[in-house]
Amino acid sequence: AQFRKIADEVGALVMADIAHIAGLVAAG
């Protein structure tokens, strides 16, 4: 969320590379 807030301030897109934590994200 912090990254998105900063991105919105400068008109950027957020890209998240979750290669390491994908299984943890998928499991909540």
mmCIF file of all heavy atoms, coordinates in Angstrom:
data_MODEL
# 
_entry.id   MODEL 
# 
loop_
_atom_site.group_PDB 
_atom_site.id 
_atom_site.type_symbol 
_atom_site.label_atom_id 
_atom_site.label_alt_id 
_atom_site.label_comp_id 
_atom_site.label_asym_id 
_atom_site.label_entity_id 
_atom_site.label_seq_id 
_atom_site.pdbx_PDB_ins_code 
_atom_site.Cartn_x 
_atom_site.Cartn_y 
_atom_site.Cartn_z 
_atom_site.occupancy 
_atom_site.B_iso_or_equiv 
_atom_site.pdbx_formal_charge 
_atom_site.auth_seq_id 
_atom_site.auth_comp_id 
_atom_site.auth_asym_id 
_atom_site.auth_atom_id 
_atom_site.pdbx_PDB_model_num 
ATOM 1   N N   . ALA A 1 1  ? 0.825  -1.214  0.000   1.00 0.00 ? 1  ALA A N   1 
ATOM 2   C CA  . ALA A 1 1  ? 0.000  0.000   0.000   1.00 0.00 ? 1  ALA A CA  1 
ATOM 3   C C   . ALA A 1 1  ? 0.858  1.261   0.000   1.00 0.00 ? 1  ALA A C   1 
ATOM 4   O O   . ALA A 1 1  ? 0.515  2.259   -0.651  1.00 0.00 ? 1  ALA A O   1 
ATOM 5   C CB  . ALA A 1 1  ? -0.941 -0.006  1.207   1.00 0.00 ? 1  ALA A CB  1 
ATOM 6   N N   . GLN A 1 2  ? 1.971  1.223   0.732   1.00 0.00 ? 2  GLN A N   1 
ATOM 7   C CA  . GLN A 1 2  ? 2.873  2.375   0.765   1.00 0.00 ? 2  GLN A CA  1 
ATOM 8   C C   . GLN A 1 2  ? 3.463  2.649   -0.609  1.00 0.00 ? 2  GLN A C   1 
ATOM 9   O O   . GLN A 1 2  ? 3.595  3.804   -1.033  1.00 0.00 ? 2  GLN A O   1 
ATOM 10  C CB  . GLN A 1 2  ? 4.002  2.119   1.768   1.00 0.00 ? 2  GLN A CB  1 
ATOM 11  C CG  . GLN A 1 2  ? 3.651  2.494   3.195   1.00 0.00 ? 2  GLN A CG  1 
ATOM 12  C CD  . GLN A 1 2  ? 3.851  3.981   3.457   1.00 0.00 ? 2  GLN A CD  1 
ATOM 13  O OE1 . GLN A 1 2  ? 3.038  4.808   3.013   1.00 0.00 ? 2  GLN A OE1 1 
ATOM 14  N NE2 . GLN A 1 2  ? 4.907  4.336   4.153   1.00 0.00 ? 2  GLN A NE2 1 
ATOM 15  N N   . PHE A 1 3  ? 3.844  1.581   -1.310  1.00 0.00 ? 3  PHE A N   1 
ATOM 16  C CA  . PHE A 1 3  ? 4.388  1.755   -2.653  1.00 0.00 ? 3  PHE A CA  1 
ATOM 17  C C   . PHE A 1 3  ? 3.345  2.367   -3.593  1.00 0.00 ? 3  PHE A C   1 
ATOM 18  O O   . PHE A 1 3  ? 3.660  3.235   -4.405  1.00 0.00 ? 3  PHE A O   1 
ATOM 19  C CB  . PHE A 1 3  ? 4.887  0.420   -3.206  1.00 0.00 ? 3  PHE A CB  1 
ATOM 20  C CG  . PHE A 1 3  ? 6.244  0.014   -2.682  1.00 0.00 ? 3  PHE A CG  1 
ATOM 21  C CD1 . PHE A 1 3  ? 6.365  -0.936  -1.682  1.00 0.00 ? 3  PHE A CD1 1 
ATOM 22  C CD2 . PHE A 1 3  ? 7.399  0.593   -3.179  1.00 0.00 ? 3  PHE A CD2 1 
ATOM 23  C CE1 . PHE A 1 3  ? 7.614  -1.313  -1.194  1.00 0.00 ? 3  PHE A CE1 1 
ATOM 24  C CE2 . PHE A 1 3  ? 8.656  0.239   -2.701  1.00 0.00 ? 3  PHE A CE2 1 
ATOM 25  C CZ  . PHE A 1 3  ? 8.760  -0.720  -1.700  1.00 0.00 ? 3  PHE A CZ  1 
ATOM 26  N N   . ARG A 1 4  ? 2.104  1.908   -3.479  1.00 0.00 ? 4  ARG A N   1 
ATOM 27  C CA  . ARG A 1 4  ? 1.057  2.449   -4.347  1.00 0.00 ? 4  ARG A CA  1 
ATOM 28  C C   . ARG A 1 4  ? 0.804  3.925   -4.045  1.00 0.00 ? 4  ARG A C   1 
ATOM 29  O O   . ARG A 1 4  ? 0.599  4.733   -4.967  1.00 0.00 ? 4  ARG A O   1 
ATOM 30  C CB  . ARG A 1 4  ? -0.232 1.633   -4.180  1.00 0.00 ? 4  ARG A CB  1 
ATOM 31  C CG  . ARG A 1 4  ? -1.404 2.150   -5.018  1.00 0.00 ? 4  ARG A CG  1 
ATOM 32  C CD  . ARG A 1 4  ? -1.070 2.173   -6.532  1.00 0.00 ? 4  ARG A CD  1 
ATOM 33  N NE  . ARG A 1 4  ? -2.171 2.719   -7.302  1.00 0.00 ? 4  ARG A NE  1 
ATOM 34  C CZ  . ARG A 1 4  ? -3.094 1.950   -7.900  1.00 0.00 ? 4  ARG A CZ  1 
ATOM 35  N NH1 . ARG A 1 4  ? -3.033 0.630   -7.800  1.00 0.00 ? 4  ARG A NH1 1 
ATOM 36  N NH2 . ARG A 1 4  ? -4.056 2.501   -8.592  1.00 0.00 ? 4  ARG A NH2 1 
ATOM 37  N N   . LYS A 1 5  ? 0.822  4.288   -2.762  1.00 0.00 ? 5  LYS A N   1 
ATOM 38  C CA  . LYS A 1 5  ? 0.613  5.692   -2.391  1.00 0.00 ? 5  LYS A CA  1 
ATOM 39  C C   . LYS A 1 5  ? 1.664  6.584   -3.032  1.00 0.00 ? 5  LYS A C   1 
ATOM 40  O O   . LYS A 1 5  ? 1.337  7.638   -3.605  1.00 0.00 ? 5  LYS A O   1 
ATOM 41  C CB  . LYS A 1 5  ? 0.652  5.833   -0.871  1.00 0.00 ? 5  LYS A CB  1 
ATOM 42  C CG  . LYS A 1 5  ? 0.386  7.245   -0.370  1.00 0.00 ? 5  LYS A CG  1 
ATOM 43  C CD  . LYS A 1 5  ? 0.433  7.300   1.154   1.00 0.00 ? 5  LYS A CD  1 
ATOM 44  C CE  . LYS A 1 5  ? 0.189  8.725   1.650   1.00 0.00 ? 5  LYS A CE  1 
ATOM 45  N NZ  . LYS A 1 5  ? 0.260  8.811   3.134   1.00 0.00 ? 5  LYS A NZ  1 
ATOM 46  N N   . ILE A 1 6  ? 2.918  6.159   -2.975  1.00 0.00 ? 6  ILE A N   1 
ATOM 47  C CA  . ILE A 1 6  ? 4.007  6.939   -3.577  1.00 0.00 ? 6  ILE A CA  1 
ATOM 48  C C   . ILE A 1 6  ? 3.876  6.961   -5.094  1.00 0.00 ? 6  ILE A C   1 
ATOM 49  O O   . ILE A 1 6  ? 4.082  7.995   -5.739  1.00 0.00 ? 6  ILE A O   1 
ATOM 50  C CB  . ILE A 1 6  ? 5.373  6.375   -3.140  1.00 0.00 ? 6  ILE A CB  1 
ATOM 51  C CG1 . ILE A 1 6  ? 5.565  6.580   -1.633  1.00 0.00 ? 6  ILE A CG1 1 
ATOM 52  C CG2 . ILE A 1 6  ? 6.510  7.028   -3.919  1.00 0.00 ? 6  ILE A CG2 1 
ATOM 53  C CD1 . ILE A 1 6  ? 6.753  5.842   -1.049  1.00 0.00 ? 6  ILE A CD1 1 
ATOM 54  N N   . ALA A 1 7  ? 3.516  5.821   -5.670  1.00 0.00 ? 7  ALA A N   1 
ATOM 55  C CA  . ALA A 1 7  ? 3.350  5.743   -7.126  1.00 0.00 ? 7  ALA A CA  1 
ATOM 56  C C   . ALA A 1 7  ? 2.265  6.707   -7.602  1.00 0.00 ? 7  ALA A C   1 
ATOM 57  O O   . ALA A 1 7  ? 2.437  7.396   -8.616  1.00 0.00 ? 7  ALA A O   1 
ATOM 58  C CB  . ALA A 1 7  ? 3.012  4.317   -7.544  1.00 0.00 ? 7  ALA A CB  1 
ATOM 59  N N   . ASP A 1 8  ? 1.166  6.780   -6.874  1.00 0.00 ? 8  ASP A N   1 
ATOM 60  C CA  . ASP A 1 8  ? 0.075  7.691   -7.254  1.00 0.00 ? 8  ASP A CA  1 
ATOM 61  C C   . ASP A 1 8  ? 0.526  9.144   -7.168  1.00 0.00 ? 8  ASP A C   1 
ATOM 62  O O   . ASP A 1 8  ? 0.076  9.990   -7.960  1.00 0.00 ? 8  ASP A O   1 
ATOM 63  C CB  . ASP A 1 8  ? -1.136 7.457   -6.352  1.00 0.00 ? 8  ASP A CB  1 
ATOM 64  C CG  . ASP A 1 8  ? -1.871 6.152   -6.667  1.00 0.00 ? 8  ASP A CG  1 
ATOM 65  O OD1 . ASP A 1 8  ? -1.603 5.558   -7.743  1.00 0.00 ? 8  ASP A OD1 1 
ATOM 66  O OD2 . ASP A 1 8  ? -2.696 5.728   -5.823  1.00 0.00 ? 8  ASP A OD2 1 
ATOM 67  N N   . GLU A 1 9  ? 1.412  9.438   -6.235  1.00 0.00 ? 9  GLU A N   1 
ATOM 68  C CA  . GLU A 1 9  ? 1.904  10.815  -6.080  1.00 0.00 ? 9  GLU A CA  1 
ATOM 69  C C   . GLU A 1 9  ? 2.703  11.271  -7.295  1.00 0.00 ? 9  GLU A C   1 
ATOM 70  O O   . GLU A 1 9  ? 2.723  12.469  -7.612  1.00 0.00 ? 9  GLU A O   1 
ATOM 71  C CB  . GLU A 1 9  ? 2.780  10.919  -4.825  1.00 0.00 ? 9  GLU A CB  1 
ATOM 72  C CG  . GLU A 1 9  ? 2.008  10.764  -3.516  1.00 0.00 ? 9  GLU A CG  1 
ATOM 73  C CD  . GLU A 1 9  ? 2.944  10.663  -2.308  1.00 0.00 ? 9  GLU A CD  1 
ATOM 74  O OE1 . GLU A 1 9  ? 4.183  10.818  -2.490  1.00 0.00 ? 9  GLU A OE1 1 
ATOM 75  O OE2 . GLU A 1 9  ? 2.459  10.415  -1.193  1.00 0.00 ? 9  GLU A OE2 1 
ATOM 76  N N   . VAL A 1 10 ? 3.391  10.330  -7.958  1.00 0.00 ? 10 VAL A N   1 
ATOM 77  C CA  . VAL A 1 10 ? 4.268  10.710  -9.073  1.00 0.00 ? 10 VAL A CA  1 
ATOM 78  C C   . VAL A 1 10 ? 3.779  10.172  -10.415 1.00 0.00 ? 10 VAL A C   1 
ATOM 79  O O   . VAL A 1 10 ? 4.454  10.316  -11.434 1.00 0.00 ? 10 VAL A O   1 
ATOM 80  C CB  . VAL A 1 10 ? 5.718  10.233  -8.822  1.00 0.00 ? 10 VAL A CB  1 
ATOM 81  C CG1 . VAL A 1 10 ? 6.294  10.888  -7.581  1.00 0.00 ? 10 VAL A CG1 1 
ATOM 82  C CG2 . VAL A 1 10 ? 5.795  8.716   -8.721  1.00 0.00 ? 10 VAL A CG2 1 
ATOM 83  N N   . GLY A 1 11 ? 2.599  9.550   -10.429 1.00 0.00 ? 11 GLY A N   1 
ATOM 84  C CA  . GLY A 1 11 ? 2.036  9.052   -11.682 1.00 0.00 ? 11 GLY A CA  1 
ATOM 85  C C   . GLY A 1 11 ? 2.720  7.809   -12.219 1.00 0.00 ? 11 GLY A C   1 
ATOM 86  O O   . GLY A 1 11 ? 2.818  7.626   -13.444 1.00 0.00 ? 11 GLY A O   1 
ATOM 87  N N   . ALA A 1 12 ? 3.187  6.946   -11.329 1.00 0.00 ? 12 ALA A N   1 
ATOM 88  C CA  . ALA A 1 12 ? 3.887  5.728   -11.747 1.00 0.00 ? 12 ALA A CA  1 
ATOM 89  C C   . ALA A 1 12 ? 2.994  4.500   -11.590 1.00 0.00 ? 12 ALA A C   1 
ATOM 90  O O   . ALA A 1 12 ? 1.970  4.534   -10.901 1.00 0.00 ? 12 ALA A O   1 
ATOM 91  C CB  . ALA A 1 12 ? 5.157  5.539   -10.914 1.00 0.00 ? 12 ALA A CB  1 
ATOM 92  N N   . LEU A 1 13 ? 3.396  3.428   -12.230 1.00 0.00 ? 13 LEU A N   1 
ATOM 93  C CA  . LEU A 1 13 ? 2.761  2.131   -12.064 1.00 0.00 ? 13 LEU A CA  1 
ATOM 94  C C   . LEU A 1 13 ? 3.536  1.329   -11.024 1.00 0.00 ? 13 LEU A C   1 
ATOM 95  O O   . LEU A 1 13 ? 4.757  1.486   -10.893 1.00 0.00 ? 13 LEU A O   1 
ATOM 96  C CB  . LEU A 1 13 ? 2.739  1.355   -13.385 1.00 0.00 ? 13 LEU A CB  1 
ATOM 97  C CG  . LEU A 1 13 ? 1.945  1.973   -14.541 1.00 0.00 ? 13 LEU A CG  1 
ATOM 98  C CD1 . LEU A 1 13 ? 2.170  1.151   -15.814 1.00 0.00 ? 13 LEU A CD1 1 
ATOM 99  C CD2 . LEU A 1 13 ? 0.460  2.060   -14.214 1.00 0.00 ? 13 LEU A CD2 1 
ATOM 100 N N   . VAL A 1 14 ? 2.843  0.475   -10.275 1.00 0.00 ? 14 VAL A N   1 
ATOM 101 C CA  . VAL A 1 14 ? 3.497  -0.400  -9.307  1.00 0.00 ? 14 VAL A CA  1 
ATOM 102 C C   . VAL A 1 14 ? 3.594  -1.804  -9.889  1.00 0.00 ? 14 VAL A C   1 
ATOM 103 O O   . VAL A 1 14 ? 2.592  -2.379  -10.319 1.00 0.00 ? 14 VAL A O   1 
ATOM 104 C CB  . VAL A 1 14 ? 2.727  -0.455  -7.976  1.00 0.00 ? 14 VAL A CB  1 
ATOM 105 C CG1 . VAL A 1 14 ? 3.356  -1.496  -7.032  1.00 0.00 ? 14 VAL A CG1 1 
ATOM 106 C CG2 . VAL A 1 14 ? 2.708  0.903   -7.309  1.00 0.00 ? 14 VAL A CG2 1 
ATOM 107 N N   . MET A 1 15 ? 4.804  -2.332  -9.874  1.00 0.00 ? 15 MET A N   1 
ATOM 108 C CA  . MET A 1 15 ? 5.038  -3.721  -10.261 1.00 0.00 ? 15 MET A CA  1 
ATOM 109 C C   . MET A 1 15 ? 5.567  -4.454  -9.035  1.00 0.00 ? 15 MET A C   1 
ATOM 110 O O   . MET A 1 15 ? 6.540  -4.020  -8.414  1.00 0.00 ? 15 MET A O   1 
ATOM 111 C CB  . MET A 1 15 ? 6.044  -3.802  -11.407 1.00 0.00 ? 15 MET A CB  1 
ATOM 112 C CG  . MET A 1 15 ? 6.467  -5.215  -11.752 1.00 0.00 ? 15 MET A CG  1 
ATOM 113 S SD  . MET A 1 15 ? 7.632  -5.217  -13.158 1.00 0.00 ? 15 MET A SD  1 
ATOM 114 C CE  . MET A 1 15 ? 8.407  -6.827  -12.946 1.00 0.00 ? 15 MET A CE  1 
ATOM 115 N N   . ALA A 1 16 ? 4.923  -5.549  -8.671  1.00 0.00 ? 16 ALA A N   1 
ATOM 116 C CA  . ALA A 1 16 ? 5.351  -6.346  -7.521  1.00 0.00 ? 16 ALA A CA  1 
ATOM 117 C C   . ALA A 1 16 ? 5.861  -7.691  -8.015  1.00 0.00 ? 16 ALA A C   1 
ATOM 118 O O   . ALA A 1 16 ? 5.116  -8.452  -8.642  1.00 0.00 ? 16 ALA A O   1 
ATOM 119 C CB  . ALA A 1 16 ? 4.202  -6.539  -6.548  1.00 0.00 ? 16 ALA A CB  1 
ATOM 120 N N   . ASP A 1 17 ? 7.124  -7.964  -7.747  1.00 0.00 ? 17 ASP A N   1 
ATOM 121 C CA  . ASP A 1 17 ? 7.714  -9.266  -8.062  1.00 0.00 ? 17 ASP A CA  1 
ATOM 122 C C   . ASP A 1 17 ? 7.674  -10.090 -6.774  1.00 0.00 ? 17 ASP A C   1 
ATOM 123 O O   . ASP A 1 17 ? 8.493  -9.910  -5.881  1.00 0.00 ? 17 ASP A O   1 
ATOM 124 C CB  . ASP A 1 17 ? 9.153  -9.081  -8.547  1.00 0.00 ? 17 ASP A CB  1 
ATOM 125 C CG  . ASP A 1 17 ? 9.843  -10.398 -8.874  1.00 0.00 ? 17 ASP A CG  1 
ATOM 126 O OD1 . ASP A 1 17 ? 9.288  -11.473 -8.533  1.00 0.00 ? 17 ASP A OD1 1 
ATOM 127 O OD2 . ASP A 1 17 ? 10.948 -10.373 -9.449  1.00 0.00 ? 17 ASP A OD2 1 
ATOM 128 N N   . ILE A 1 18 ? 6.707  -10.999 -6.704  1.00 0.00 ? 18 ILE A N   1 
ATOM 129 C CA  . ILE A 1 18 ? 6.515  -11.766 -5.469  1.00 0.00 ? 18 ILE A CA  1 
ATOM 130 C C   . ILE A 1 18 ? 7.054  -13.193 -5.612  1.00 0.00 ? 18 ILE A C   1 
ATOM 131 O O   . ILE A 1 18 ? 6.559  -14.126 -4.963  1.00 0.00 ? 18 ILE A O   1 
ATOM 132 C CB  . ILE A 1 18 ? 5.034  -11.787 -5.034  1.00 0.00 ? 18 ILE A CB  1 
ATOM 133 C CG1 . ILE A 1 18 ? 4.139  -12.451 -6.093  1.00 0.00 ? 18 ILE A CG1 1 
ATOM 134 C CG2 . ILE A 1 18 ? 4.552  -10.366 -4.738  1.00 0.00 ? 18 ILE A CG2 1 
ATOM 135 C CD1 . ILE A 1 18 ? 2.724  -12.747 -5.594  1.00 0.00 ? 18 ILE A CD1 1 
ATOM 136 N N   . ALA A 1 19 ? 8.078  -13.350 -6.450  1.00 0.00 ? 19 ALA A N   1 
ATOM 137 C CA  . ALA A 1 19 ? 8.614  -14.687 -6.732  1.00 0.00 ? 19 ALA A CA  1 
ATOM 138 C C   . ALA A 1 19 ? 8.892  -15.481 -5.461  1.00 0.00 ? 19 ALA A C   1 
ATOM 139 O O   . ALA A 1 19 ? 8.589  -16.674 -5.389  1.00 0.00 ? 19 ALA A O   1 
ATOM 140 C CB  . ALA A 1 19 ? 9.887  -14.576 -7.571  1.00 0.00 ? 19 ALA A CB  1 
ATOM 141 N N   . HIS A 1 20 ? 9.461  -14.837 -4.454  1.00 0.00 ? 20 HIS A N   1 
ATOM 142 C CA  . HIS A 1 20 ? 9.827  -15.558 -3.240  1.00 0.00 ? 20 HIS A CA  1 
ATOM 143 C C   . HIS A 1 20 ? 8.643  -15.827 -2.325  1.00 0.00 ? 20 HIS A C   1 
ATOM 144 O O   . HIS A 1 20 ? 8.580  -16.864 -1.664  1.00 0.00 ? 20 HIS A O   1 
ATOM 145 C CB  . HIS A 1 20 ? 10.923 -14.804 -2.484  1.00 0.00 ? 20 HIS A CB  1 
ATOM 146 C CG  . HIS A 1 20 ? 12.287 -15.271 -2.838  1.00 0.00 ? 20 HIS A CG  1 
ATOM 147 N ND1 . HIS A 1 20 ? 12.901 -16.307 -2.188  1.00 0.00 ? 20 HIS A ND1 1 
ATOM 148 C CD2 . HIS A 1 20 ? 13.148 -14.871 -3.810  1.00 0.00 ? 20 HIS A CD2 1 
ATOM 149 C CE1 . HIS A 1 20 ? 14.084 -16.531 -2.732  1.00 0.00 ? 20 HIS A CE1 1 
ATOM 150 N NE2 . HIS A 1 20 ? 14.256 -15.667 -3.715  1.00 0.00 ? 20 HIS A NE2 1 
ATOM 151 N N   . ILE A 1 21 ? 7.714  -14.920 -2.265  1.00 0.00 ? 21 ILE A N   1 
ATOM 152 C CA  . ILE A 1 21 ? 6.645  -15.016 -1.266  1.00 0.00 ? 21 ILE A CA  1 
ATOM 153 C C   . ILE A 1 21 ? 5.312  -15.442 -1.855  1.00 0.00 ? 21 ILE A C   1 
ATOM 154 O O   . ILE A 1 21 ? 4.290  -15.432 -1.158  1.00 0.00 ? 21 ILE A O   1 
ATOM 155 C CB  . ILE A 1 21 ? 6.474  -13.675 -0.518  1.00 0.00 ? 21 ILE A CB  1 
ATOM 156 C CG1 . ILE A 1 21 ? 6.195  -12.544 -1.520  1.00 0.00 ? 21 ILE A CG1 1 
ATOM 157 C CG2 . ILE A 1 21 ? 7.701  -13.377 0.335   1.00 0.00 ? 21 ILE A CG2 1 
ATOM 158 C CD1 . ILE A 1 21 ? 5.819  -11.223 -0.861  1.00 0.00 ? 21 ILE A CD1 1 
ATOM 159 N N   . ALA A 1 22 ? 5.269  -15.859 -3.126  1.00 0.00 ? 22 ALA A N   1 
ATOM 160 C CA  . ALA A 1 22 ? 4.001  -16.152 -3.797  1.00 0.00 ? 22 ALA A CA  1 
ATOM 161 C C   . ALA A 1 22 ? 3.175  -17.190 -3.053  1.00 0.00 ? 22 ALA A C   1 
ATOM 162 O O   . ALA A 1 22 ? 1.952  -17.060 -2.926  1.00 0.00 ? 22 ALA A O   1 
ATOM 163 C CB  . ALA A 1 22 ? 4.259  -16.616 -5.231  1.00 0.00 ? 22 ALA A CB  1 
ATOM 164 N N   . GLY A 1 23 ? 3.827  -18.242 -2.562  1.00 0.00 ? 23 GLY A N   1 
ATOM 165 C CA  . GLY A 1 23 ? 3.099  -19.264 -1.829  1.00 0.00 ? 23 GLY A CA  1 
ATOM 166 C C   . GLY A 1 23 ? 2.510  -18.722 -0.543  1.00 0.00 ? 23 GLY A C   1 
ATOM 167 O O   . GLY A 1 23 ? 1.390  -19.090 -0.144  1.00 0.00 ? 23 GLY A O   1 
ATOM 168 N N   . LEU A 1 24 ? 3.231  -17.823 0.115   1.00 0.00 ? 24 LEU A N   1 
ATOM 169 C CA  . LEU A 1 24 ? 2.735  -17.210 1.346   1.00 0.00 ? 24 LEU A CA  1 
ATOM 170 C C   . LEU A 1 24 ? 1.572  -16.267 1.047   1.00 0.00 ? 24 LEU A C   1 
ATOM 171 O O   . LEU A 1 24 ? 0.603  -16.199 1.806   1.00 0.00 ? 24 LEU A O   1 
ATOM 172 C CB  . LEU A 1 24 ? 3.867  -16.454 2.054   1.00 0.00 ? 24 LEU A CB  1 
ATOM 173 C CG  . LEU A 1 24 ? 5.149  -17.244 2.334   1.00 0.00 ? 24 LEU A CG  1 
ATOM 174 C CD1 . LEU A 1 24 ? 6.143  -16.371 3.095   1.00 0.00 ? 24 LEU A CD1 1 
ATOM 175 C CD2 . LEU A 1 24 ? 4.857  -18.532 3.095   1.00 0.00 ? 24 LEU A CD2 1 
ATOM 176 N N   . VAL A 1 25 ? 1.656  -15.551 -0.074  1.00 0.00 ? 25 VAL A N   1 
ATOM 177 C CA  . VAL A 1 25 ? 0.563  -14.674 -0.501  1.00 0.00 ? 25 VAL A CA  1 
ATOM 178 C C   . VAL A 1 25 ? -0.672 -15.508 -0.836  1.00 0.00 ? 25 VAL A C   1 
ATOM 179 O O   . VAL A 1 25 ? -1.796 -15.202 -0.406  1.00 0.00 ? 25 VAL A O   1 
ATOM 180 C CB  . VAL A 1 25 ? 0.988  -13.818 -1.712  1.00 0.00 ? 25 VAL A CB  1 
ATOM 181 C CG1 . VAL A 1 25 ? -0.224 -13.108 -2.324  1.00 0.00 ? 25 VAL A CG1 1 
ATOM 182 C CG2 . VAL A 1 25 ? 2.051  -12.799 -1.309  1.00 0.00 ? 25 VAL A CG2 1 
ATOM 183 N N   . ALA A 1 26 ? -0.475 -16.574 -1.601  1.00 0.00 ? 26 ALA A N   1 
ATOM 184 C CA  . ALA A 1 26 ? -1.597 -17.422 -2.008  1.00 0.00 ? 26 ALA A CA  1 
ATOM 185 C C   . ALA A 1 26 ? -2.308 -18.027 -0.805  1.00 0.00 ? 26 ALA A C   1 
ATOM 186 O O   . ALA A 1 26 ? -3.532 -18.211 -0.824  1.00 0.00 ? 26 ALA A O   1 
ATOM 187 C CB  . ALA A 1 26 ? -1.098 -18.533 -2.928  1.00 0.00 ? 26 ALA A CB  1 
ATOM 188 N N   . ALA A 1 27 ? -1.560 -18.303 0.239   1.00 0.00 ? 27 ALA A N   1 
ATOM 189 C CA  . ALA A 1 27 ? -2.126 -18.921 1.438   1.00 0.00 ? 27 ALA A CA  1 
ATOM 190 C C   . ALA A 1 27 ? -2.652 -17.896 2.445   1.00 0.00 ? 27 ALA A C   1 
ATOM 191 O O   . ALA A 1 27 ? -3.182 -18.267 3.488   1.00 0.00 ? 27 ALA A O   1 
ATOM 192 C CB  . ALA A 1 27 ? -1.076 -19.806 2.107   1.00 0.00 ? 27 ALA A CB  1 
ATOM 193 N N   . GLY A 1 28 ? -2.490 -16.608 2.139   1.00 0.00 ? 28 GLY A N   1 
ATOM 194 C CA  . GLY A 1 28 ? -2.953 -15.566 3.044   1.00 0.00 ? 28 GLY A CA  1 
ATOM 195 C C   . GLY A 1 28 ? -2.030 -15.321 4.221   1.00 0.00 ? 28 GLY A C   1 
ATOM 196 O O   . GLY A 1 28 ? -2.414 -14.663 5.198   1.00 0.00 ? 28 GLY A O   1 
# 
